[in-house]
Amino acid sequence: MREFRDHSGHSWKASVRRHAGPDFKGRYYFYVWPADGSEEDGIALPEIRWNSEQTAERTLTTMSEVELRRRLRSALGRKPAEA
């Protein structure tokens, strides 16, 4: 798991989630949620995938904050607007 700040200074957490199923290829994917909120309120980016948890964690650990913010903007752009 990795904590970072968006362009407005809000804290977010980025992590890796596992997709259950028989296919091992691309089983792990990128997941982000507000640091002060519930992990269940997060947003998945299933197109950012890895074949192993070790590779996913290593990539997440070495991602720059600029890249994390870019991924967050992409995720937020897909999230449905709240009423």
N, C-alpha and C. Protein backbone atom coordinates (compact mmCIF):
# COMPACT_ATOMS: atom_id res chain seq x y z
N MET A 1 0.85 -1.17 0.00
CA MET A 1 0.00 0.00 0.00
C MET A 1 0.89 1.24 0.00
N ARG A 2 0.38 2.28 -0.61
CA ARG A 2 1.15 3.52 -0.73
C ARG A 2 0.23 4.71 -0.49
N GLU A 3 0.67 5.66 0.32
CA GLU A 3 -0.12 6.87 0.56
C GLU A 3 0.51 8.03 -0.20
N PHE A 4 -0.35 8.88 -0.78
CA PHE A 4 0.13 10.03 -1.53
C PHE A 4 -0.92 11.14 -1.46
N ARG A 5 -0.56 12.33 -1.93
CA ARG A 5 -1.47 13.47 -1.93
C ARG A 5 -1.82 13.86 -3.36
N ASP A 6 -3.08 14.25 -3.56
CA ASP A 6 -3.49 14.72 -4.88
C ASP A 6 -3.06 16.17 -5.06
N HIS A 7 -3.40 16.78 -6.21
CA HIS A 7 -2.97 18.15 -6.49
C HIS A 7 -3.60 19.17 -5.54
N SER A 8 -4.68 18.79 -4.83
CA SER A 8 -5.33 19.68 -3.86
C SER A 8 -4.83 19.46 -2.44
N GLY A 9 -3.96 18.48 -2.25
CA GLY A 9 -3.41 18.21 -0.93
C GLY A 9 -4.15 17.15 -0.13
N HIS A 10 -5.19 16.54 -0.71
CA HIS A 10 -5.93 15.48 -0.02
C HIS A 10 -5.14 14.18 -0.07
N SER A 11 -5.17 13.43 1.02
CA SER A 11 -4.44 12.16 1.09
C SER A 11 -5.25 11.03 0.48
N TRP A 12 -4.57 10.17 -0.25
CA TRP A 12 -5.15 8.98 -0.88
C TRP A 12 -4.26 7.79 -0.60
N LYS A 13 -4.83 6.62 -0.69
CA LYS A 13 -4.07 5.38 -0.57
C LYS A 13 -4.23 4.59 -1.86
N ALA A 14 -3.12 4.03 -2.31
CA ALA A 14 -3.13 3.20 -3.50
C ALA A 14 -2.68 1.81 -3.09
N SER A 15 -3.31 0.82 -3.68
CA SER A 15 -3.00 -0.55 -3.32
C SER A 15 -3.23 -1.46 -4.51
N VAL A 16 -3.04 -2.72 -4.27
CA VAL A 16 -3.25 -3.74 -5.28
C VAL A 16 -4.35 -4.66 -4.79
N ARG A 17 -5.28 -4.96 -5.67
CA ARG A 17 -6.35 -5.90 -5.35
C ARG A 17 -6.21 -7.12 -6.25
N ARG A 18 -6.80 -8.20 -5.80
CA ARG A 18 -6.73 -9.47 -6.53
C ARG A 18 -8.09 -9.82 -7.09
N HIS A 19 -8.11 -10.12 -8.38
CA HIS A 19 -9.33 -10.55 -9.04
C HIS A 19 -9.39 -12.08 -8.96
N ALA A 20 -10.46 -12.57 -8.39
CA ALA A 20 -10.63 -14.03 -8.27
C ALA A 20 -11.02 -14.61 -9.62
N GLY A 21 -10.60 -15.80 -9.86
CA GLY A 21 -10.97 -16.48 -11.09
C GLY A 21 -9.89 -17.45 -11.53
N PRO A 22 -10.17 -18.21 -12.55
CA PRO A 22 -9.23 -19.24 -13.00
C PRO A 22 -8.04 -18.70 -13.79
N ASP A 23 -8.16 -17.49 -14.33
CA ASP A 23 -7.10 -16.94 -15.16
C ASP A 23 -6.09 -16.19 -14.29
N PHE A 24 -4.83 -16.61 -14.35
CA PHE A 24 -3.79 -15.97 -13.55
C PHE A 24 -3.21 -14.73 -14.23
N LYS A 25 -3.39 -14.61 -15.53
CA LYS A 25 -2.82 -13.49 -16.25
C LYS A 25 -3.59 -12.21 -15.91
N GLY A 26 -2.90 -11.22 -15.42
CA GLY A 26 -3.53 -9.96 -15.07
C GLY A 26 -4.45 -10.04 -13.87
N ARG A 27 -4.17 -10.91 -12.95
CA ARG A 27 -5.04 -11.14 -11.80
C ARG A 27 -5.03 -9.97 -10.82
N TYR A 28 -3.94 -9.24 -10.71
CA TYR A 28 -3.81 -8.14 -9.75
C TYR A 28 -4.02 -6.81 -10.45
N TYR A 29 -4.73 -5.90 -9.80
CA TYR A 29 -5.04 -4.61 -10.43
C TYR A 29 -4.92 -3.46 -9.44
N PHE A 30 -4.85 -2.27 -9.97
CA PHE A 30 -4.64 -1.03 -9.21
C PHE A 30 -5.95 -0.59 -8.55
N TYR A 31 -5.86 -0.12 -7.30
CA TYR A 31 -7.02 0.31 -6.53
C TYR A 31 -6.64 1.51 -5.68
N VAL A 32 -7.51 2.52 -5.62
CA VAL A 32 -7.22 3.75 -4.88
C VAL A 32 -8.46 4.19 -4.11
N TRP A 33 -8.23 4.78 -2.90
CA TRP A 33 -9.34 5.28 -2.08
C TRP A 33 -8.86 6.43 -1.20
N PRO A 34 -9.80 7.29 -0.73
CA PRO A 34 -9.41 8.40 0.14
C PRO A 34 -8.83 7.88 1.46
N ALA A 35 -7.74 8.48 1.91
CA ALA A 35 -7.08 8.03 3.13
C ALA A 35 -7.98 8.18 4.36
N ASP A 36 -8.86 9.16 4.34
CA ASP A 36 -9.74 9.37 5.50
C ASP A 36 -11.09 8.66 5.33
N GLY A 37 -11.22 7.84 4.32
CA GLY A 37 -12.48 7.13 4.07
C GLY A 37 -12.31 5.64 4.16
N SER A 38 -13.35 4.96 3.80
CA SER A 38 -13.35 3.50 3.83
C SER A 38 -12.72 2.94 2.56
N GLU A 39 -12.00 1.88 2.71
CA GLU A 39 -11.40 1.22 1.55
C GLU A 39 -12.48 0.74 0.58
N GLU A 40 -13.65 0.45 1.10
CA GLU A 40 -14.75 -0.01 0.25
C GLU A 40 -15.27 1.09 -0.67
N ASP A 41 -14.95 2.36 -0.37
CA ASP A 41 -15.39 3.49 -1.19
C ASP A 41 -14.39 3.81 -2.30
N GLY A 42 -13.45 2.93 -2.52
CA GLY A 42 -12.39 3.18 -3.49
C GLY A 42 -12.82 2.96 -4.92
N ILE A 43 -11.86 3.18 -5.80
CA ILE A 43 -12.08 3.08 -7.24
C ILE A 43 -11.03 2.14 -7.82
N ALA A 44 -11.48 1.20 -8.60
CA ALA A 44 -10.58 0.25 -9.25
C ALA A 44 -10.22 0.73 -10.64
N LEU A 45 -9.02 0.47 -11.04
CA LEU A 45 -8.59 0.68 -12.42
C LEU A 45 -8.15 -0.69 -12.94
N PRO A 46 -9.10 -1.49 -13.39
CA PRO A 46 -8.78 -2.86 -13.77
C PRO A 46 -7.89 -3.01 -15.00
N GLU A 47 -7.72 -1.92 -15.77
CA GLU A 47 -6.83 -2.04 -16.94
C GLU A 47 -5.36 -1.93 -16.55
N ILE A 48 -5.08 -1.51 -15.32
CA ILE A 48 -3.69 -1.49 -14.82
C ILE A 48 -3.52 -2.80 -14.06
N ARG A 49 -2.93 -3.79 -14.73
CA ARG A 49 -2.89 -5.14 -14.19
C ARG A 49 -1.48 -5.70 -14.16
N TRP A 50 -1.32 -6.66 -13.26
CA TRP A 50 -0.06 -7.37 -13.13
C TRP A 50 -0.36 -8.86 -12.98
N ASN A 51 0.62 -9.68 -13.33
CA ASN A 51 0.46 -11.13 -13.25
C ASN A 51 0.76 -11.69 -11.87
N SER A 52 1.56 -10.98 -11.09
CA SER A 52 1.90 -11.49 -9.75
C SER A 52 1.80 -10.37 -8.73
N GLU A 53 1.53 -10.74 -7.50
CA GLU A 53 1.44 -9.76 -6.43
C GLU A 53 2.79 -9.09 -6.18
N GLN A 54 3.86 -9.86 -6.30
CA GLN A 54 5.20 -9.32 -6.09
C GLN A 54 5.50 -8.21 -7.11
N THR A 55 5.18 -8.44 -8.36
CA THR A 55 5.41 -7.43 -9.40
C THR A 55 4.54 -6.21 -9.17
N ALA A 56 3.30 -6.44 -8.80
CA ALA A 56 2.37 -5.34 -8.55
C ALA A 56 2.86 -4.47 -7.41
N GLU A 57 3.25 -5.07 -6.31
CA GLU A 57 3.73 -4.31 -5.16
C GLU A 57 5.01 -3.56 -5.48
N ARG A 58 5.90 -4.18 -6.21
CA ARG A 58 7.16 -3.52 -6.58
C ARG A 58 6.88 -2.31 -7.47
N THR A 59 5.98 -2.46 -8.42
CA THR A 59 5.63 -1.35 -9.30
C THR A 59 4.99 -0.22 -8.52
N LEU A 60 4.06 -0.55 -7.64
CA LEU A 60 3.39 0.46 -6.83
C LEU A 60 4.39 1.21 -5.94
N THR A 61 5.34 0.49 -5.39
CA THR A 61 6.35 1.09 -4.52
C THR A 61 7.25 2.06 -5.29
N THR A 62 7.52 1.77 -6.54
CA THR A 62 8.44 2.60 -7.32
C THR A 62 7.74 3.66 -8.16
N MET A 63 6.41 3.68 -8.18
CA MET A 63 5.68 4.71 -8.94
C MET A 63 5.94 6.08 -8.34
N SER A 64 6.11 7.06 -9.19
CA SER A 64 6.29 8.43 -8.71
C SER A 64 4.94 8.99 -8.25
N GLU A 65 4.98 10.03 -7.44
CA GLU A 65 3.74 10.67 -7.01
C GLU A 65 3.02 11.29 -8.20
N VAL A 66 3.76 11.75 -9.18
CA VAL A 66 3.14 12.31 -10.39
C VAL A 66 2.32 11.22 -11.08
N GLU A 67 2.87 10.03 -11.20
CA GLU A 67 2.16 8.92 -11.83
C GLU A 67 0.94 8.51 -11.00
N LEU A 68 1.08 8.47 -9.70
CA LEU A 68 -0.05 8.14 -8.83
C LEU A 68 -1.17 9.17 -8.98
N ARG A 69 -0.82 10.45 -9.05
CA ARG A 69 -1.85 11.49 -9.24
C ARG A 69 -2.51 11.36 -10.60
N ARG A 70 -1.75 11.02 -11.60
CA ARG A 70 -2.30 10.83 -12.95
C ARG A 70 -3.29 9.67 -12.97
N ARG A 71 -2.94 8.58 -12.31
CA ARG A 71 -3.84 7.43 -12.22
C ARG A 71 -5.09 7.78 -11.42
N LEU A 72 -4.92 8.57 -10.37
CA LEU A 72 -6.07 9.01 -9.57
C LEU A 72 -7.02 9.86 -10.42
N ARG A 73 -6.50 10.80 -11.19
CA ARG A 73 -7.35 11.62 -12.06
C ARG A 73 -8.12 10.75 -13.03
N SER A 74 -7.47 9.74 -13.55
CA SER A 74 -8.13 8.82 -14.48
C SER A 74 -9.27 8.08 -13.77
N ALA A 75 -9.00 7.62 -12.56
CA ALA A 75 -10.02 6.89 -11.79
C ALA A 75 -11.18 7.81 -11.45
N LEU A 76 -10.90 9.03 -11.01
CA LEU A 76 -11.97 9.95 -10.63
C LEU A 76 -12.81 10.36 -11.83
N GLY A 77 -12.21 10.39 -12.99
CA GLY A 77 -12.95 10.73 -14.20
C GLY A 77 -13.97 9.69 -14.58
N ARG A 78 -13.83 8.49 -14.08
CA ARG A 78 -14.76 7.39 -14.37
C ARG A 78 -15.81 7.20 -13.30
N LYS A 79 -15.54 7.75 -12.12
CA LYS A 79 -16.47 7.55 -11.01
C LYS A 79 -17.76 8.31 -11.27
N PRO A 80 -18.92 7.67 -11.08
CA PRO A 80 -20.19 8.37 -11.29
C PRO A 80 -20.34 9.53 -10.31
N ALA A 81 -20.93 10.61 -10.78
CA ALA A 81 -21.15 11.77 -9.92
C ALA A 81 -22.16 11.42 -8.83
N GLU A 82 -21.88 11.93 -7.62
CA GLU A 82 -22.79 11.68 -6.50
C GLU A 82 -23.94 12.65 -6.55
N ALA A 83 -25.13 12.18 -6.22
CA ALA A 83 -26.33 13.02 -6.27
C ALA A 83 -26.38 13.98 -5.11
